[in-house]
Amino acid sequence: MTTRRHGFSLIEVITTMMIGSILVSIAMPSVTGARGRYAVTGARSTFSALHARARAQAIERGTTVRLVVDAVGDSVSILSGVEVLETVHFGGEMAVDIRMSSGSLRLCMTARGYADPDCNSFTTAPNIEFRQATDTASVTLLPLGQLVF
């Protein structure tokens, strides 16, 4: 007569847990690396959306709207006159650092949807880099307001 056994033995459970923990420890570094890549890519996409919003607001309002990048404060703001339409803090909200050759940058979008080179704070195309640890993503801002990825 045989007896039926229900469930798992302690050795089977421990073996399964050991195999699972080994697999998790192997996968962890790639997950951590992917998080940084997604963060900088997301920051670049957010900057692109802010750039498009500044242009759209300038056209909609029929006035000049400024996109201000503050590399020291790791933030980007959209301003119409003295009114702040939106500010995104990349350092706090996304844990991403903004790096540029200068500490700040101003892009003035006109009501026609183009940048005003006389109002911009730059004459040559600045490169804006988004960095988290060793992961980076960048965008170049052309003098007439176009973005190059």
N, C-alpha and C. Protein backbone atom coordinates (compact mmCIF):
# COMPACT_ATOMS: atom_id res chain seq x y z
N MET A 1 0.83 -1.16 0.00
CA MET A 1 0.00 0.00 0.00
C MET A 1 0.89 1.25 0.00
N THR A 2 0.58 2.16 -0.89
CA THR A 2 1.37 3.39 -0.99
C THR A 2 0.60 4.54 -0.37
N THR A 3 1.34 5.42 0.23
CA THR A 3 0.70 6.61 0.80
C THR A 3 0.90 7.78 -0.16
N ARG A 4 -0.11 8.60 -0.30
CA ARG A 4 -0.04 9.77 -1.16
C ARG A 4 0.49 10.94 -0.38
N ARG A 5 1.35 11.64 -1.01
CA ARG A 5 1.98 12.78 -0.39
C ARG A 5 1.40 14.05 -0.99
N HIS A 6 1.08 15.04 -0.19
CA HIS A 6 0.53 16.31 -0.67
C HIS A 6 1.54 17.42 -0.39
N GLY A 7 1.76 18.30 -1.37
CA GLY A 7 2.66 19.44 -1.15
C GLY A 7 4.08 19.11 -1.54
N PHE A 8 4.99 19.98 -1.09
CA PHE A 8 6.41 19.84 -1.43
C PHE A 8 7.20 19.63 -0.16
N SER A 9 8.34 18.98 -0.33
CA SER A 9 9.22 18.82 0.83
C SER A 9 10.02 20.11 1.04
N LEU A 10 10.60 20.25 2.19
CA LEU A 10 11.38 21.43 2.53
C LEU A 10 12.59 21.56 1.60
N ILE A 11 13.19 20.48 1.23
CA ILE A 11 14.35 20.50 0.33
C ILE A 11 13.94 21.02 -1.06
N GLU A 12 12.79 20.61 -1.56
CA GLU A 12 12.31 21.08 -2.86
C GLU A 12 12.04 22.60 -2.83
N VAL A 13 11.45 23.08 -1.78
CA VAL A 13 11.16 24.52 -1.66
C VAL A 13 12.46 25.32 -1.58
N ILE A 14 13.39 24.90 -0.79
CA ILE A 14 14.67 25.61 -0.65
C ILE A 14 15.43 25.60 -1.97
N THR A 15 15.45 24.48 -2.67
CA THR A 15 16.13 24.39 -3.97
C THR A 15 15.51 25.36 -4.97
N THR A 16 14.20 25.41 -5.01
CA THR A 16 13.50 26.32 -5.93
C THR A 16 13.82 27.78 -5.59
N MET A 17 13.85 28.11 -4.30
CA MET A 17 14.16 29.48 -3.88
C MET A 17 15.61 29.84 -4.22
N MET A 18 16.53 28.91 -4.08
CA MET A 18 17.94 29.15 -4.41
C MET A 18 18.09 29.43 -5.91
N ILE A 19 17.45 28.65 -6.73
CA ILE A 19 17.52 28.83 -8.18
C ILE A 19 16.92 30.19 -8.56
N GLY A 20 15.78 30.53 -7.95
CA GLY A 20 15.14 31.82 -8.22
C GLY A 20 16.01 32.98 -7.82
N SER A 21 16.66 32.90 -6.65
CA SER A 21 17.53 34.01 -6.21
C SER A 21 18.76 34.15 -7.10
N ILE A 22 19.28 33.06 -7.60
CA ILE A 22 20.42 33.13 -8.53
C ILE A 22 20.00 33.81 -9.83
N LEU A 23 18.84 33.46 -10.35
CA LEU A 23 18.35 34.08 -11.58
C LEU A 23 18.08 35.58 -11.39
N VAL A 24 17.54 35.97 -10.25
CA VAL A 24 17.30 37.38 -9.98
C VAL A 24 18.62 38.14 -9.87
N SER A 25 19.61 37.57 -9.22
CA SER A 25 20.90 38.24 -9.08
C SER A 25 21.61 38.40 -10.43
N ILE A 26 21.37 37.49 -11.35
CA ILE A 26 21.93 37.62 -12.69
C ILE A 26 21.23 38.72 -13.47
N ALA A 27 19.92 38.84 -13.33
CA ALA A 27 19.13 39.81 -14.10
C ALA A 27 19.21 41.22 -13.53
N MET A 28 19.53 41.41 -12.27
CA MET A 28 19.49 42.71 -11.62
C MET A 28 20.38 43.77 -12.30
N PRO A 29 21.63 43.51 -12.64
CA PRO A 29 22.44 44.56 -13.27
C PRO A 29 21.86 45.07 -14.59
N SER A 30 21.27 44.20 -15.38
CA SER A 30 20.70 44.65 -16.65
C SER A 30 19.45 45.48 -16.42
N VAL A 31 18.68 45.19 -15.38
CA VAL A 31 17.49 45.98 -15.06
C VAL A 31 17.91 47.37 -14.58
N THR A 32 18.95 47.43 -13.75
CA THR A 32 19.44 48.71 -13.25
C THR A 32 19.97 49.56 -14.40
N GLY A 33 20.69 48.97 -15.33
CA GLY A 33 21.19 49.70 -16.49
C GLY A 33 20.07 50.19 -17.39
N ALA A 34 19.05 49.40 -17.54
CA ALA A 34 17.91 49.79 -18.38
C ALA A 34 17.18 50.97 -17.76
N ARG A 35 17.11 51.04 -16.45
CA ARG A 35 16.43 52.15 -15.78
C ARG A 35 17.09 53.48 -16.12
N GLY A 36 18.43 53.54 -16.13
CA GLY A 36 19.15 54.76 -16.49
C GLY A 36 18.92 55.15 -17.94
N ARG A 37 18.95 54.17 -18.83
CA ARG A 37 18.72 54.45 -20.25
C ARG A 37 17.32 54.99 -20.47
N TYR A 38 16.34 54.40 -19.81
CA TYR A 38 14.96 54.88 -19.95
C TYR A 38 14.80 56.28 -19.37
N ALA A 39 15.51 56.57 -18.28
CA ALA A 39 15.40 57.89 -17.65
C ALA A 39 15.93 58.98 -18.57
N VAL A 40 17.09 58.78 -19.18
CA VAL A 40 17.65 59.83 -20.04
C VAL A 40 16.87 59.94 -21.35
N THR A 41 16.40 58.84 -21.87
CA THR A 41 15.57 58.89 -23.08
C THR A 41 14.24 59.60 -22.78
N GLY A 42 13.67 59.31 -21.63
CA GLY A 42 12.45 59.99 -21.22
C GLY A 42 12.65 61.47 -21.00
N ALA A 43 13.80 61.85 -20.45
CA ALA A 43 14.12 63.27 -20.25
C ALA A 43 14.23 63.99 -21.59
N ARG A 44 14.88 63.34 -22.55
CA ARG A 44 14.99 63.95 -23.88
C ARG A 44 13.62 64.10 -24.54
N SER A 45 12.76 63.11 -24.38
CA SER A 45 11.41 63.19 -24.92
C SER A 45 10.60 64.29 -24.24
N THR A 46 10.77 64.43 -22.94
CA THR A 46 10.09 65.50 -22.20
C THR A 46 10.56 66.86 -22.67
N PHE A 47 11.87 67.00 -22.89
CA PHE A 47 12.39 68.27 -23.40
C PHE A 47 11.80 68.57 -24.78
N SER A 48 11.72 67.57 -25.61
CA SER A 48 11.15 67.74 -26.95
C SER A 48 9.69 68.18 -26.86
N ALA A 49 8.94 67.61 -25.92
CA ALA A 49 7.55 68.00 -25.74
C ALA A 49 7.44 69.44 -25.23
N LEU A 50 8.33 69.84 -24.33
CA LEU A 50 8.33 71.22 -23.84
C LEU A 50 8.66 72.19 -24.98
N HIS A 51 9.59 71.82 -25.82
CA HIS A 51 9.96 72.64 -26.98
C HIS A 51 8.74 72.81 -27.89
N ALA A 52 8.04 71.72 -28.17
CA ALA A 52 6.85 71.79 -29.03
C ALA A 52 5.75 72.61 -28.36
N ARG A 53 5.61 72.49 -27.05
CA ARG A 53 4.59 73.27 -26.34
C ARG A 53 4.91 74.77 -26.39
N ALA A 54 6.18 75.12 -26.24
CA ALA A 54 6.57 76.54 -26.32
C ALA A 54 6.22 77.11 -27.69
N ARG A 55 6.50 76.36 -28.72
CA ARG A 55 6.19 76.80 -30.09
C ARG A 55 4.67 76.93 -30.27
N ALA A 56 3.93 75.94 -29.80
CA ALA A 56 2.47 75.98 -29.94
C ALA A 56 1.86 77.14 -29.15
N GLN A 57 2.38 77.40 -27.95
CA GLN A 57 1.88 78.51 -27.14
C GLN A 57 2.16 79.85 -27.82
N ALA A 58 3.33 79.98 -28.44
CA ALA A 58 3.66 81.23 -29.15
C ALA A 58 2.69 81.47 -30.29
N ILE A 59 2.39 80.43 -31.05
CA ILE A 59 1.46 80.55 -32.17
C ILE A 59 0.06 80.85 -31.66
N GLU A 60 -0.37 80.12 -30.64
CA GLU A 60 -1.72 80.28 -30.10
C GLU A 60 -1.93 81.67 -29.48
N ARG A 61 -0.95 82.16 -28.75
CA ARG A 61 -1.08 83.44 -28.07
C ARG A 61 -0.77 84.63 -28.99
N GLY A 62 -0.07 84.35 -30.08
CA GLY A 62 0.31 85.43 -31.00
C GLY A 62 1.38 86.33 -30.44
N THR A 63 2.23 85.77 -29.59
CA THR A 63 3.29 86.55 -28.95
C THR A 63 4.52 85.66 -28.76
N THR A 64 5.63 86.26 -28.39
CA THR A 64 6.86 85.51 -28.16
C THR A 64 6.78 84.74 -26.85
N VAL A 65 7.15 83.48 -26.91
CA VAL A 65 7.20 82.61 -25.73
C VAL A 65 8.64 82.11 -25.61
N ARG A 66 9.16 82.11 -24.38
CA ARG A 66 10.55 81.72 -24.16
C ARG A 66 10.63 80.32 -23.53
N LEU A 67 11.58 79.56 -24.03
CA LEU A 67 11.93 78.26 -23.45
C LEU A 67 13.27 78.48 -22.77
N VAL A 68 13.31 78.35 -21.45
CA VAL A 68 14.53 78.64 -20.69
C VAL A 68 15.05 77.34 -20.09
N VAL A 69 16.31 77.02 -20.41
CA VAL A 69 16.97 75.82 -19.89
C VAL A 69 17.97 76.27 -18.83
N ASP A 70 17.82 75.77 -17.61
CA ASP A 70 18.72 76.09 -16.51
C ASP A 70 19.49 74.83 -16.14
N ALA A 71 20.73 74.73 -16.64
CA ALA A 71 21.54 73.53 -16.40
C ALA A 71 21.96 73.43 -14.94
N VAL A 72 22.14 74.57 -14.27
CA VAL A 72 22.54 74.56 -12.87
C VAL A 72 21.42 73.99 -12.00
N GLY A 73 20.19 74.41 -12.26
CA GLY A 73 19.03 73.93 -11.50
C GLY A 73 18.38 72.70 -12.10
N ASP A 74 18.92 72.19 -13.22
CA ASP A 74 18.37 71.02 -13.92
C ASP A 74 16.88 71.17 -14.19
N SER A 75 16.50 72.35 -14.73
CA SER A 75 15.09 72.58 -15.01
C SER A 75 14.91 73.27 -16.35
N VAL A 76 13.71 73.13 -16.91
CA VAL A 76 13.32 73.78 -18.15
C VAL A 76 11.98 74.44 -17.91
N SER A 77 11.87 75.72 -18.31
CA SER A 77 10.62 76.47 -18.10
C SER A 77 10.13 77.07 -19.40
N ILE A 78 8.83 77.22 -19.49
CA ILE A 78 8.19 77.93 -20.61
C ILE A 78 7.59 79.20 -20.02
N LEU A 79 7.97 80.37 -20.58
CA LEU A 79 7.51 81.66 -20.07
C LEU A 79 6.87 82.48 -21.18
N SER A 80 5.78 83.13 -20.83
CA SER A 80 5.13 84.08 -21.72
C SER A 80 5.08 85.40 -20.97
N GLY A 81 5.91 86.36 -21.36
CA GLY A 81 6.04 87.60 -20.59
C GLY A 81 6.64 87.24 -19.24
N VAL A 82 5.95 87.59 -18.16
CA VAL A 82 6.42 87.23 -16.82
C VAL A 82 5.71 85.99 -16.29
N GLU A 83 4.73 85.49 -17.03
CA GLU A 83 3.96 84.31 -16.62
C GLU A 83 4.72 83.03 -16.92
N VAL A 84 4.87 82.19 -15.90
CA VAL A 84 5.49 80.87 -16.07
C VAL A 84 4.38 79.89 -16.44
N LEU A 85 4.45 79.36 -17.66
CA LEU A 85 3.42 78.43 -18.13
C LEU A 85 3.65 77.02 -17.61
N GLU A 86 4.93 76.63 -17.54
CA GLU A 86 5.25 75.28 -17.07
C GLU A 86 6.73 75.21 -16.73
N THR A 87 7.06 74.45 -15.71
CA THR A 87 8.45 74.18 -15.34
C THR A 87 8.57 72.70 -15.02
N VAL A 88 9.60 72.08 -15.58
CA VAL A 88 9.90 70.68 -15.27
C VAL A 88 11.28 70.64 -14.64
N HIS A 89 11.36 70.02 -13.45
CA HIS A 89 12.62 69.86 -12.73
C HIS A 89 13.17 68.47 -13.04
N PHE A 90 14.08 68.40 -13.96
CA PHE A 90 14.62 67.11 -14.40
C PHE A 90 15.41 66.44 -13.28
N GLY A 91 16.11 67.24 -12.47
CA GLY A 91 16.91 66.67 -11.39
C GLY A 91 16.06 66.02 -10.32
N GLY A 92 14.93 66.61 -9.98
CA GLY A 92 14.08 66.06 -8.92
C GLY A 92 13.10 65.03 -9.42
N GLU A 93 12.38 65.36 -10.49
CA GLU A 93 11.30 64.49 -10.96
C GLU A 93 11.82 63.25 -11.69
N MET A 94 12.94 63.40 -12.39
CA MET A 94 13.45 62.28 -13.20
C MET A 94 14.83 61.80 -12.75
N ALA A 95 15.45 62.50 -11.80
CA ALA A 95 16.81 62.20 -11.34
C ALA A 95 17.80 62.22 -12.50
N VAL A 96 17.61 63.20 -13.40
CA VAL A 96 18.48 63.35 -14.57
C VAL A 96 19.16 64.71 -14.50
N ASP A 97 20.44 64.74 -14.82
CA ASP A 97 21.23 65.95 -14.80
C ASP A 97 21.27 66.55 -16.21
N ILE A 98 21.07 67.86 -16.32
CA ILE A 98 21.19 68.55 -17.61
C ILE A 98 22.58 69.16 -17.69
N ARG A 99 23.26 68.92 -18.81
CA ARG A 99 24.60 69.48 -19.01
C ARG A 99 24.66 70.22 -20.34
N MET A 100 25.25 71.41 -20.28
CA MET A 100 25.47 72.25 -21.47
C MET A 100 26.79 72.97 -21.28
N SER A 101 27.25 73.62 -22.37
CA SER A 101 28.49 74.38 -22.26
C SER A 101 28.29 75.65 -21.44
N SER A 102 27.07 76.18 -21.42
CA SER A 102 26.77 77.35 -20.59
C SER A 102 25.79 76.95 -19.50
N GLY A 103 25.65 77.79 -18.48
CA GLY A 103 24.78 77.48 -17.36
C GLY A 103 23.30 77.58 -17.68
N SER A 104 22.94 78.46 -18.62
CA SER A 104 21.54 78.60 -18.98
C SER A 104 21.41 78.95 -20.46
N LEU A 105 20.21 78.80 -20.96
CA LEU A 105 19.96 79.01 -22.38
C LEU A 105 18.53 79.54 -22.54
N ARG A 106 18.34 80.44 -23.48
CA ARG A 106 17.01 81.00 -23.74
C ARG A 106 16.72 80.87 -25.23
N LEU A 107 15.57 80.27 -25.55
CA LEU A 107 15.09 80.16 -26.92
C LEU A 107 13.77 80.91 -27.00
N CYS A 108 13.68 81.88 -27.90
CA CYS A 108 12.47 82.69 -28.04
C CYS A 108 11.70 82.25 -29.28
N MET A 109 10.52 81.69 -29.07
CA MET A 109 9.67 81.28 -30.19
C MET A 109 8.69 82.41 -30.50
N THR A 110 8.61 82.81 -31.78
CA THR A 110 7.74 83.90 -32.19
C THR A 110 6.35 83.38 -32.54
N ALA A 111 5.45 84.30 -32.78
CA ALA A 111 4.07 83.94 -33.12
C ALA A 111 3.98 83.20 -34.45
N ARG A 112 5.01 83.28 -35.26
CA ARG A 112 5.03 82.56 -36.54
C ARG A 112 5.55 81.13 -36.38
N GLY A 113 6.02 80.78 -35.19
CA GLY A 113 6.48 79.42 -34.94
C GLY A 113 7.95 79.19 -35.18
N TYR A 114 8.70 80.27 -35.38
CA TYR A 114 10.14 80.17 -35.56
C TYR A 114 10.84 80.88 -34.41
N ALA A 115 12.08 80.50 -34.18
CA ALA A 115 12.86 81.17 -33.14
C ALA A 115 13.35 82.52 -33.64
N ASP A 116 13.49 83.45 -32.74
CA ASP A 116 14.01 84.78 -33.04
C ASP A 116 15.48 84.80 -32.65
N PRO A 117 16.41 84.75 -33.62
CA PRO A 117 17.84 84.72 -33.30
C PRO A 117 18.30 85.93 -32.50
N ASP A 118 17.63 87.08 -32.65
CA ASP A 118 18.03 88.27 -31.90
C ASP A 118 17.66 88.17 -30.42
N CYS A 119 16.68 87.37 -30.09
CA CYS A 119 16.22 87.20 -28.71
C CYS A 119 16.89 85.99 -28.04
N ASN A 120 17.31 85.01 -28.82
CA ASN A 120 17.95 83.81 -28.27
C ASN A 120 19.23 84.17 -27.54
N SER A 121 19.60 83.37 -26.57
CA SER A 121 20.85 83.62 -25.83
C SER A 121 22.04 82.90 -26.46
N PHE A 122 21.87 82.35 -27.65
CA PHE A 122 22.95 81.62 -28.31
C PHE A 122 22.96 81.95 -29.80
N THR A 123 24.13 81.81 -30.42
CA THR A 123 24.24 82.03 -31.86
C THR A 123 24.65 80.75 -32.58
N THR A 124 25.37 79.89 -31.90
CA THR A 124 25.72 78.59 -32.47
C THR A 124 24.86 77.52 -31.80
N ALA A 125 24.69 76.42 -32.47
CA ALA A 125 23.80 75.36 -32.00
C ALA A 125 24.33 74.69 -30.73
N PRO A 126 23.67 74.91 -29.59
CA PRO A 126 24.12 74.27 -28.35
C PRO A 126 23.66 72.81 -28.28
N ASN A 127 24.48 72.01 -27.63
CA ASN A 127 24.14 70.61 -27.39
C ASN A 127 23.67 70.49 -25.94
N ILE A 128 22.50 69.94 -25.74
CA ILE A 128 21.95 69.74 -24.40
C ILE A 128 22.00 68.25 -24.11
N GLU A 129 22.67 67.91 -23.02
CA GLU A 129 22.87 66.50 -22.68
C GLU A 129 22.10 66.16 -21.41
N PHE A 130 21.42 65.04 -21.43
CA PHE A 130 20.70 64.53 -20.27
C PHE A 130 21.48 63.33 -19.77
N ARG A 131 21.86 63.33 -18.48
CA ARG A 131 22.76 62.31 -17.96
C ARG A 131 22.25 61.76 -16.63
N GLN A 132 22.36 60.45 -16.50
CA GLN A 132 22.13 59.77 -15.22
C GLN A 132 23.20 58.70 -15.12
N ALA A 133 24.12 58.87 -14.18
CA ALA A 133 25.27 57.99 -14.01
C ALA A 133 26.06 57.93 -15.32
N THR A 134 26.13 56.78 -15.97
CA THR A 134 26.89 56.66 -17.22
C THR A 134 26.01 56.74 -18.46
N ASP A 135 24.71 56.83 -18.28
CA ASP A 135 23.79 56.87 -19.41
C ASP A 135 23.54 58.32 -19.84
N THR A 136 23.57 58.56 -21.16
CA THR A 136 23.34 59.90 -21.67
C THR A 136 22.44 59.87 -22.91
N ALA A 137 21.75 60.97 -23.11
CA ALA A 137 20.99 61.23 -24.33
C ALA A 137 21.13 62.72 -24.58
N SER A 138 21.22 63.11 -25.83
CA SER A 138 21.42 64.53 -26.10
C SER A 138 20.55 65.00 -27.26
N VAL A 139 20.42 66.32 -27.32
CA VAL A 139 19.68 66.98 -28.38
C VAL A 139 20.43 68.27 -28.71
N THR A 140 20.44 68.62 -29.98
CA THR A 140 21.07 69.87 -30.42
C THR A 140 19.96 70.83 -30.82
N LEU A 141 20.06 72.06 -30.35
CA LEU A 141 19.07 73.09 -30.62
C LEU A 141 19.64 74.05 -31.66
N LEU A 142 19.01 74.10 -32.82
CA LEU A 142 19.48 74.97 -33.89
C LEU A 142 18.98 76.40 -33.68
N PRO A 143 19.68 77.41 -34.23
CA PRO A 143 19.32 78.81 -33.99
C PRO A 143 17.90 79.21 -34.39
N LEU A 144 17.29 78.52 -35.36
CA LEU A 144 15.92 78.86 -35.74
C LEU A 144 14.89 78.02 -34.98
N GLY A 145 15.36 77.26 -34.00
CA GLY A 145 14.44 76.55 -33.10
C GLY A 145 14.25 75.07 -33.37
N GLN A 146 14.85 74.52 -34.39
CA GLN A 146 14.67 73.09 -34.66
C GLN A 146 15.50 72.27 -33.67
N LEU A 147 15.02 71.04 -33.42
CA LEU A 147 15.74 70.09 -32.58
C LEU A 147 16.34 69.00 -33.45
N VAL A 148 17.56 68.62 -33.14
CA VAL A 148 18.23 67.52 -33.83
C VAL A 148 18.62 66.48 -32.79
N PHE A 149 18.12 65.26 -32.97
CA PHE A 149 18.43 64.18 -32.02
C PHE A 149 19.67 63.45 -32.45
